[in-house]
Amino acid sequence: MRSRSFKAGTSKTSFMTMRVVVYSLGAATLFTLINEDLPLSSSLRTKKKKWSNPIGRRGLSINLGNGQCKWQPPTYDVPDNIEFYKTLIAGFPSGDKRMIFIQMEALTGWPAKDEWDFEYLGMTNHPFIKANYPHHEGIWGWQDAADQVVVMVRNIRRSMVEYHDILWDIGYAKTWDEATLNLQNLYSAPPPKEDFLAWRDLRVMDEVHWYGWFIDYWMEGGLMRDIFTHKITTEEHWNMLMMPTVYTKAELDYDLVVGKQVVTPTYDPHCTNGEISSGCEPVAVISAERLRDYIEGPAETTKIAEVLMNNDKISKYL
């Protein structure tokens, strides 16, 4: 059993966690997880299952006839000379954003890229961008590359459980290097119940606030709100909230920083400066649970395809 060092008494928490996870999971592996249609915590962690496509499983890309199709990987090398209409896929950590971008990859043949890849590995011409921003696990790393936003919403209980499981896998890493060293541990074993309960008791209520605040941010087009009171806040306070490793929760207290001053609604400069060409408000909201459902799934998948039909710079690849 791998050891873990989770200290419940830490006053300032470094949120270096899932940012490097994307490097370890290829699109084919992720699509396997989707089609197994089982919770990651119970299925993938107990045994590694080889992907097969039995009758009734949904796949993408190749039409096999009689309602059957087969997923194929996209072209991972993206030419710089193609002008795409690019989609940002935003969601809470462990919110099943992969379920959207893998279908977009399969429908178009072009790949997705993570926000942290843009920030640390450089800008490229990928038409689909996966993001946790403005959550503390995210970063606006894609500059002004995005044209439209799709938000993925997953059941909060499942998001929290899987979020913790990945944190446990990488040893509650506090730095990028620490997380990278633990990538081989991803999905290798279920975390002990007592570890989850300790993390839950310390973090979950705060993350519940982050969860609702995250959805408000995108649905309101980048309106600045306080995380814990959900009140409209100032740009000064917002900038502090964007640095959770610098300030403690007490130092971020709304009454302490903002007080009784009259607050004029202010929007994230990323949104007001046109860094997403059609604005930060999403053109579609996708439900992870509906997407998995064999009755409601086809309609939810159609919503994803319709997003790609919004502009001929991407629709022509469908």
Protein backbone atom coordinates (compact mmCIF):
# COMPACT_ATOMS: atom_id res chain seq x y z
CA MET A 1 0.00 0.00 0.00
CA ARG A 2 1.40 3.41 -0.94
CA SER A 3 1.72 5.85 1.94
CA ARG A 4 -0.01 9.22 1.96
CA SER A 5 0.64 12.35 3.97
CA PHE A 6 -2.54 14.38 4.24
CA LYS A 7 -2.32 16.91 7.04
CA ALA A 8 -5.70 18.21 8.14
CA GLY A 9 -4.22 21.07 10.10
CA THR A 10 -2.58 22.91 7.22
CA SER A 11 -3.62 26.58 7.19
CA LYS A 12 -2.52 27.44 3.67
CA THR A 13 -3.17 24.68 1.19
CA SER A 14 -1.28 24.36 -2.06
CA PHE A 15 -3.67 23.23 -4.75
CA MET A 16 -1.21 21.47 -7.05
CA THR A 17 -3.23 18.38 -7.81
CA MET A 18 -4.93 17.24 -11.00
CA ARG A 19 -3.09 19.66 -13.23
CA VAL A 20 -0.67 17.03 -14.53
CA VAL A 21 -3.10 14.13 -14.66
CA VAL A 22 -4.04 14.91 -18.24
CA TYR A 23 -0.54 13.95 -19.39
CA SER A 24 -0.98 10.35 -18.30
CA LEU A 25 -4.30 9.52 -19.94
CA GLY A 26 -4.60 9.26 -23.69
CA ALA A 27 -7.92 9.77 -25.44
CA ALA A 28 -8.38 6.06 -26.12
CA THR A 29 -7.91 5.22 -22.44
CA LEU A 30 -10.37 7.88 -21.39
CA PHE A 31 -12.96 6.71 -23.88
CA THR A 32 -12.62 3.21 -22.46
CA LEU A 33 -13.58 4.59 -19.05
CA ILE A 34 -16.67 6.20 -20.51
CA ASN A 35 -17.85 3.11 -22.30
CA GLU A 36 -17.30 0.83 -19.34
CA ASP A 37 -20.08 2.95 -17.80
CA LEU A 38 -18.96 2.22 -14.24
CA PRO A 39 -17.73 4.58 -11.51
CA LEU A 40 -13.98 4.99 -11.80
CA SER A 41 -13.57 4.40 -8.08
CA SER A 42 -15.08 0.92 -8.28
CA SER A 43 -14.25 -0.34 -11.76
CA LEU A 44 -10.89 0.98 -12.89
CA ARG A 45 -9.28 0.77 -9.47
CA THR A 46 -10.13 -2.87 -8.84
CA LYS A 47 -8.83 -4.28 -12.11
CA LYS A 48 -7.64 -3.06 -15.46
CA LYS A 49 -10.21 -4.01 -18.09
CA LYS A 50 -9.41 -4.41 -21.75
CA TRP A 51 -11.68 -2.32 -23.98
CA SER A 52 -14.21 -4.17 -26.07
CA ASN A 53 -17.28 -2.95 -27.91
CA PRO A 54 -20.16 -5.35 -27.18
CA ILE A 55 -23.57 -4.85 -28.73
CA GLY A 56 -25.27 -1.89 -27.11
CA ARG A 57 -22.12 0.06 -26.22
CA ARG A 58 -21.85 3.49 -27.79
CA GLY A 59 -18.79 4.27 -29.90
CA LEU A 60 -17.93 7.06 -32.32
CA SER A 61 -16.23 7.86 -35.64
CA ILE A 62 -16.77 4.84 -37.92
CA ASN A 63 -20.32 3.97 -38.95
CA LEU A 64 -20.65 0.19 -38.78
CA GLY A 65 -24.29 0.22 -39.83
CA ASN A 66 -27.40 -0.91 -37.95
CA GLY A 67 -26.89 1.82 -35.38
CA GLN A 68 -23.37 0.67 -34.50
CA CYS A 69 -20.20 2.73 -34.75
CA LYS A 70 -16.60 2.59 -33.57
CA TRP A 71 -14.48 5.28 -31.95
CA GLN A 72 -11.18 6.18 -33.59
CA PRO A 73 -8.46 8.46 -32.22
CA PRO A 74 -8.10 11.96 -33.67
CA THR A 75 -5.13 13.38 -35.56
CA TYR A 76 -2.93 14.56 -32.71
CA ASP A 77 -0.58 16.73 -34.78
CA VAL A 78 -2.57 19.88 -35.55
CA PRO A 79 -1.35 22.05 -38.44
CA ASP A 80 -0.86 25.72 -37.61
CA ASN A 81 -2.35 26.96 -40.88
CA ILE A 82 -5.96 25.85 -40.25
CA GLU A 83 -8.39 28.44 -38.89
CA PHE A 84 -10.71 26.68 -36.43
CA TYR A 85 -13.70 27.94 -34.47
CA LYS A 86 -12.49 26.73 -31.09
CA THR A 87 -14.51 25.40 -28.16
CA LEU A 88 -13.61 25.72 -24.49
CA ILE A 89 -14.95 22.81 -22.41
CA ALA A 90 -15.25 24.04 -18.83
CA GLY A 91 -16.11 21.95 -15.80
CA PHE A 92 -15.40 21.34 -12.12
CA PRO A 93 -12.43 19.01 -11.48
CA SER A 94 -13.43 15.37 -12.06
CA GLY A 95 -16.57 16.67 -13.75
CA ASP A 96 -16.34 14.35 -16.80
CA LYS A 97 -15.23 17.01 -19.27
CA ARG A 98 -13.49 14.18 -21.12
CA MET A 99 -16.90 12.86 -22.13
CA ILE A 100 -17.44 16.00 -24.19
CA PHE A 101 -14.03 16.45 -25.71
CA ILE A 102 -13.64 12.82 -26.70
CA GLN A 103 -16.90 12.98 -28.60
CA MET A 104 -15.80 16.24 -30.23
CA GLU A 105 -12.51 14.59 -31.16
CA ALA A 106 -14.32 11.64 -32.66
CA LEU A 107 -16.85 13.76 -34.55
CA THR A 108 -14.22 16.00 -36.13
CA GLY A 109 -10.99 14.00 -36.09
CA TRP A 110 -9.19 16.84 -34.26
CA PRO A 111 -7.80 16.66 -30.69
CA ALA A 112 -8.35 18.51 -27.42
CA LYS A 113 -5.68 20.04 -25.20
CA ASP A 114 -5.61 20.91 -21.50
CA GLU A 115 -5.36 24.49 -20.20
CA TRP A 116 -2.13 23.66 -18.36
CA ASP A 117 -0.59 22.25 -21.53
CA PHE A 118 -1.19 25.60 -23.19
CA GLU A 119 0.35 27.42 -20.23
CA TYR A 120 3.48 25.30 -19.82
CA LEU A 121 4.02 23.55 -23.14
CA GLY A 122 3.09 26.44 -25.38
CA MET A 123 0.29 27.63 -27.63
CA THR A 124 -0.87 25.33 -30.40
CA ASN A 125 -3.81 25.21 -32.82
CA HIS A 126 -5.94 22.63 -30.98
CA PRO A 127 -9.65 23.35 -31.58
CA PHE A 128 -10.89 21.98 -28.22
CA ILE A 129 -9.67 23.25 -24.86
CA LYS A 130 -10.30 21.48 -21.52
CA ALA A 131 -10.45 23.82 -18.53
CA ASN A 132 -11.08 23.91 -14.78
CA TYR A 133 -10.74 27.71 -14.63
CA PRO A 134 -11.64 29.64 -12.47
CA HIS A 135 -11.38 26.78 -9.94
CA HIS A 136 -8.05 26.68 -8.12
CA GLU A 137 -7.08 23.61 -10.17
CA GLY A 138 -7.34 25.68 -13.35
CA ILE A 139 -5.51 28.45 -15.17
CA TRP A 140 -6.43 30.67 -18.10
CA GLY A 141 -3.61 29.20 -20.13
CA TRP A 142 -5.10 29.38 -23.64
CA GLN A 143 -4.77 33.18 -23.94
CA ASP A 144 -7.38 34.33 -26.50
CA ALA A 145 -7.66 31.10 -28.47
CA ALA A 146 -11.25 30.14 -27.56
CA ASP A 147 -14.36 31.20 -29.48
CA GLN A 148 -17.20 29.59 -27.52
CA VAL A 149 -17.82 27.84 -24.20
CA VAL A 150 -19.52 24.57 -23.28
CA VAL A 151 -20.02 23.76 -19.60
CA MET A 152 -20.12 20.19 -18.28
CA VAL A 153 -22.08 19.54 -15.07
CA ARG A 154 -21.70 16.28 -13.16
CA ASN A 155 -23.40 15.10 -9.97
CA ILE A 156 -21.56 16.88 -7.18
CA ARG A 157 -21.18 13.76 -5.02
CA ARG A 158 -19.43 11.79 -7.75
CA SER A 159 -17.25 14.78 -8.63
CA MET A 160 -16.09 15.14 -5.03
CA VAL A 161 -15.32 11.44 -4.59
CA GLU A 162 -13.31 11.16 -7.79
CA TYR A 163 -11.62 14.51 -7.16
CA HIS A 164 -10.32 13.16 -3.85
CA ASP A 165 -9.33 9.82 -5.37
CA ILE A 166 -7.04 11.53 -7.87
CA LEU A 167 -5.57 13.72 -5.13
CA TRP A 168 -4.83 10.56 -3.14
CA ASP A 169 -3.29 8.85 -6.16
CA ILE A 170 -0.73 11.63 -6.55
CA GLY A 171 -0.01 11.74 -2.84
CA TYR A 172 -1.73 15.09 -2.21
CA ALA A 173 1.13 16.62 -4.16
CA LYS A 174 2.00 20.22 -3.39
CA THR A 175 4.16 20.91 -6.44
CA TRP A 176 4.17 20.07 -10.13
CA ASP A 177 7.26 17.89 -9.71
CA GLU A 178 5.68 15.90 -6.86
CA ALA A 179 2.54 15.29 -8.88
CA THR A 180 4.54 14.19 -11.92
CA LEU A 181 6.49 11.65 -9.86
CA ASN A 182 3.22 10.05 -8.74
CA LEU A 183 1.48 9.83 -12.11
CA GLN A 184 2.14 6.09 -12.32
CA ASN A 185 -0.08 5.64 -9.26
CA LEU A 186 -3.22 6.93 -10.98
CA TYR A 187 -6.17 4.52 -10.62
CA SER A 188 -3.93 1.80 -9.21
CA ALA A 189 -5.84 1.19 -5.97
CA PRO A 190 -8.82 2.58 -4.03
CA PRO A 191 -7.91 5.03 -1.26
CA PRO A 192 -8.57 3.96 2.33
CA LYS A 193 -11.93 5.13 3.62
CA GLU A 194 -10.32 6.96 6.51
CA ASP A 195 -8.23 9.04 4.10
CA PHE A 196 -11.30 10.12 2.20
CA LEU A 197 -13.17 10.96 5.41
CA ALA A 198 -10.30 13.11 6.66
CA TRP A 199 -10.20 15.04 3.38
CA ARG A 200 -13.99 15.27 3.29
CA ASP A 201 -14.20 16.73 6.78
CA LEU A 202 -11.56 19.35 6.01
CA ARG A 203 -12.25 20.28 2.39
CA VAL A 204 -15.65 19.25 1.05
CA MET A 205 -17.79 22.08 2.40
CA ASP A 206 -15.38 24.61 0.93
CA GLU A 207 -15.34 22.72 -2.37
CA VAL A 208 -19.16 22.76 -2.39
CA HIS A 209 -18.90 26.55 -2.42
CA TRP A 210 -16.32 26.34 -5.20
CA TYR A 211 -18.67 24.06 -7.15
CA GLY A 212 -21.60 26.49 -7.10
CA TRP A 213 -19.33 29.50 -7.60
CA PHE A 214 -17.75 27.82 -10.63
CA ILE A 215 -21.15 27.33 -12.30
CA ASP A 216 -22.22 30.90 -11.45
CA TYR A 217 -19.04 32.26 -13.02
CA TRP A 218 -19.70 30.73 -16.42
CA MET A 219 -23.49 31.06 -16.46
CA GLU A 220 -23.18 34.76 -15.61
CA GLY A 221 -20.50 35.37 -18.23
CA GLY A 222 -17.59 35.89 -15.84
CA LEU A 223 -19.30 38.00 -13.17
CA MET A 224 -17.00 38.35 -10.17
CA ARG A 225 -18.48 36.81 -7.00
CA ASP A 226 -17.07 35.79 -3.65
CA ILE A 227 -16.60 32.04 -3.33
CA PHE A 228 -18.00 31.59 0.15
CA THR A 229 -20.83 34.15 0.34
CA HIS A 230 -21.54 34.25 -3.42
CA LYS A 231 -21.94 38.01 -3.15
CA ILE A 232 -20.84 40.20 -6.05
CA THR A 233 -17.32 41.30 -5.22
CA THR A 234 -14.62 43.78 -6.16
CA GLU A 235 -11.78 43.26 -8.59
CA GLU A 236 -9.30 43.55 -5.71
CA HIS A 237 -11.03 40.76 -3.79
CA TRP A 238 -11.37 38.65 -6.95
CA ASN A 239 -7.65 38.88 -7.62
CA MET A 240 -7.01 37.63 -4.09
CA LEU A 241 -9.43 34.74 -4.59
CA MET A 242 -7.45 33.74 -7.68
CA MET A 243 -4.40 33.17 -5.43
CA PRO A 244 -5.59 30.60 -2.85
CA THR A 245 -2.05 29.47 -2.09
CA VAL A 246 -1.13 33.01 -1.05
CA TYR A 247 -4.06 33.85 1.21
CA THR A 248 -5.81 31.85 3.90
CA LYS A 249 -9.58 31.53 3.97
CA ALA A 250 -9.67 33.99 6.87
CA GLU A 251 -7.66 36.53 4.89
CA LEU A 252 -10.13 36.19 2.01
CA ASP A 253 -13.17 36.85 4.21
CA TYR A 254 -15.67 39.02 2.32
CA ASP A 255 -16.45 41.30 5.25
CA LEU A 256 -12.76 41.82 5.91
CA VAL A 257 -11.76 42.67 2.33
CA VAL A 258 -14.93 44.21 0.89
CA GLY A 259 -16.85 45.23 3.98
CA LYS A 260 -19.88 47.46 3.52
CA GLN A 261 -18.73 49.31 0.42
CA VAL A 262 -21.14 49.49 -2.52
CA VAL A 263 -19.98 46.98 -5.10
CA THR A 264 -20.51 47.63 -8.80
CA PRO A 265 -20.92 44.39 -10.81
CA THR A 266 -17.57 43.68 -12.45
CA TYR A 267 -16.62 40.97 -14.92
CA ASP A 268 -13.43 38.98 -15.32
CA PRO A 269 -11.16 40.96 -17.70
CA HIS A 270 -10.58 37.74 -19.65
CA CYS A 271 -14.26 37.92 -20.60
CA THR A 272 -14.61 41.66 -21.12
CA ASN A 273 -11.42 41.84 -23.19
CA GLY A 274 -12.79 39.40 -25.75
CA GLU A 275 -10.42 36.55 -24.98
CA ILE A 276 -13.33 34.25 -25.81
CA SER A 277 -14.65 35.76 -29.02
CA SER A 278 -18.35 34.99 -28.42
CA GLY A 279 -18.16 35.74 -24.69
CA CYS A 280 -17.86 33.66 -21.54
CA GLU A 281 -21.51 32.64 -21.24
CA PRO A 282 -21.82 29.04 -22.47
CA VAL A 283 -23.58 28.16 -25.71
CA ALA A 284 -24.54 24.80 -24.18
CA VAL A 285 -24.63 23.03 -20.81
CA ILE A 286 -24.11 19.27 -20.93
CA SER A 287 -25.15 16.82 -18.21
CA ALA A 288 -22.70 13.99 -17.53
CA GLU A 289 -25.50 11.79 -16.18
CA ARG A 290 -27.72 12.33 -19.20
CA LEU A 291 -24.81 11.74 -21.54
CA ARG A 292 -24.23 8.32 -19.95
CA ASP A 293 -27.90 7.38 -20.07
CA TYR A 294 -28.92 5.09 -22.94
CA ILE A 295 -32.29 6.81 -23.29
CA GLU A 296 -31.30 10.44 -22.80
CA GLY A 297 -27.74 10.05 -24.09
CA PRO A 298 -28.44 10.41 -27.82
CA ALA A 299 -30.17 13.77 -27.33
CA GLU A 300 -27.32 15.01 -25.13
CA THR A 301 -24.79 13.86 -27.73
CA THR A 302 -26.77 15.75 -30.37
CA LYS A 303 -26.30 18.92 -28.30
CA ILE A 304 -22.54 18.42 -28.52
CA ALA A 305 -22.72 18.02 -32.30
CA GLU A 306 -24.94 21.10 -32.59
CA VAL A 307 -22.31 23.15 -30.76
CA LEU A 308 -19.85 22.20 -33.48
CA MET A 309 -22.34 23.27 -36.14
CA ASN A 310 -22.26 26.88 -34.89
CA ASN A 311 -19.51 27.87 -37.31
CA ASP A 312 -18.33 26.42 -40.60
CA LYS A 313 -14.69 26.71 -39.48
CA ILE A 314 -15.31 23.58 -37.42
CA SER A 315 -18.60 22.18 -38.75
CA LYS A 316 -17.02 21.27 -42.09
CA TYR A 317 -15.00 18.59 -40.30
CA LEU A 318 -18.05 16.73 -39.02
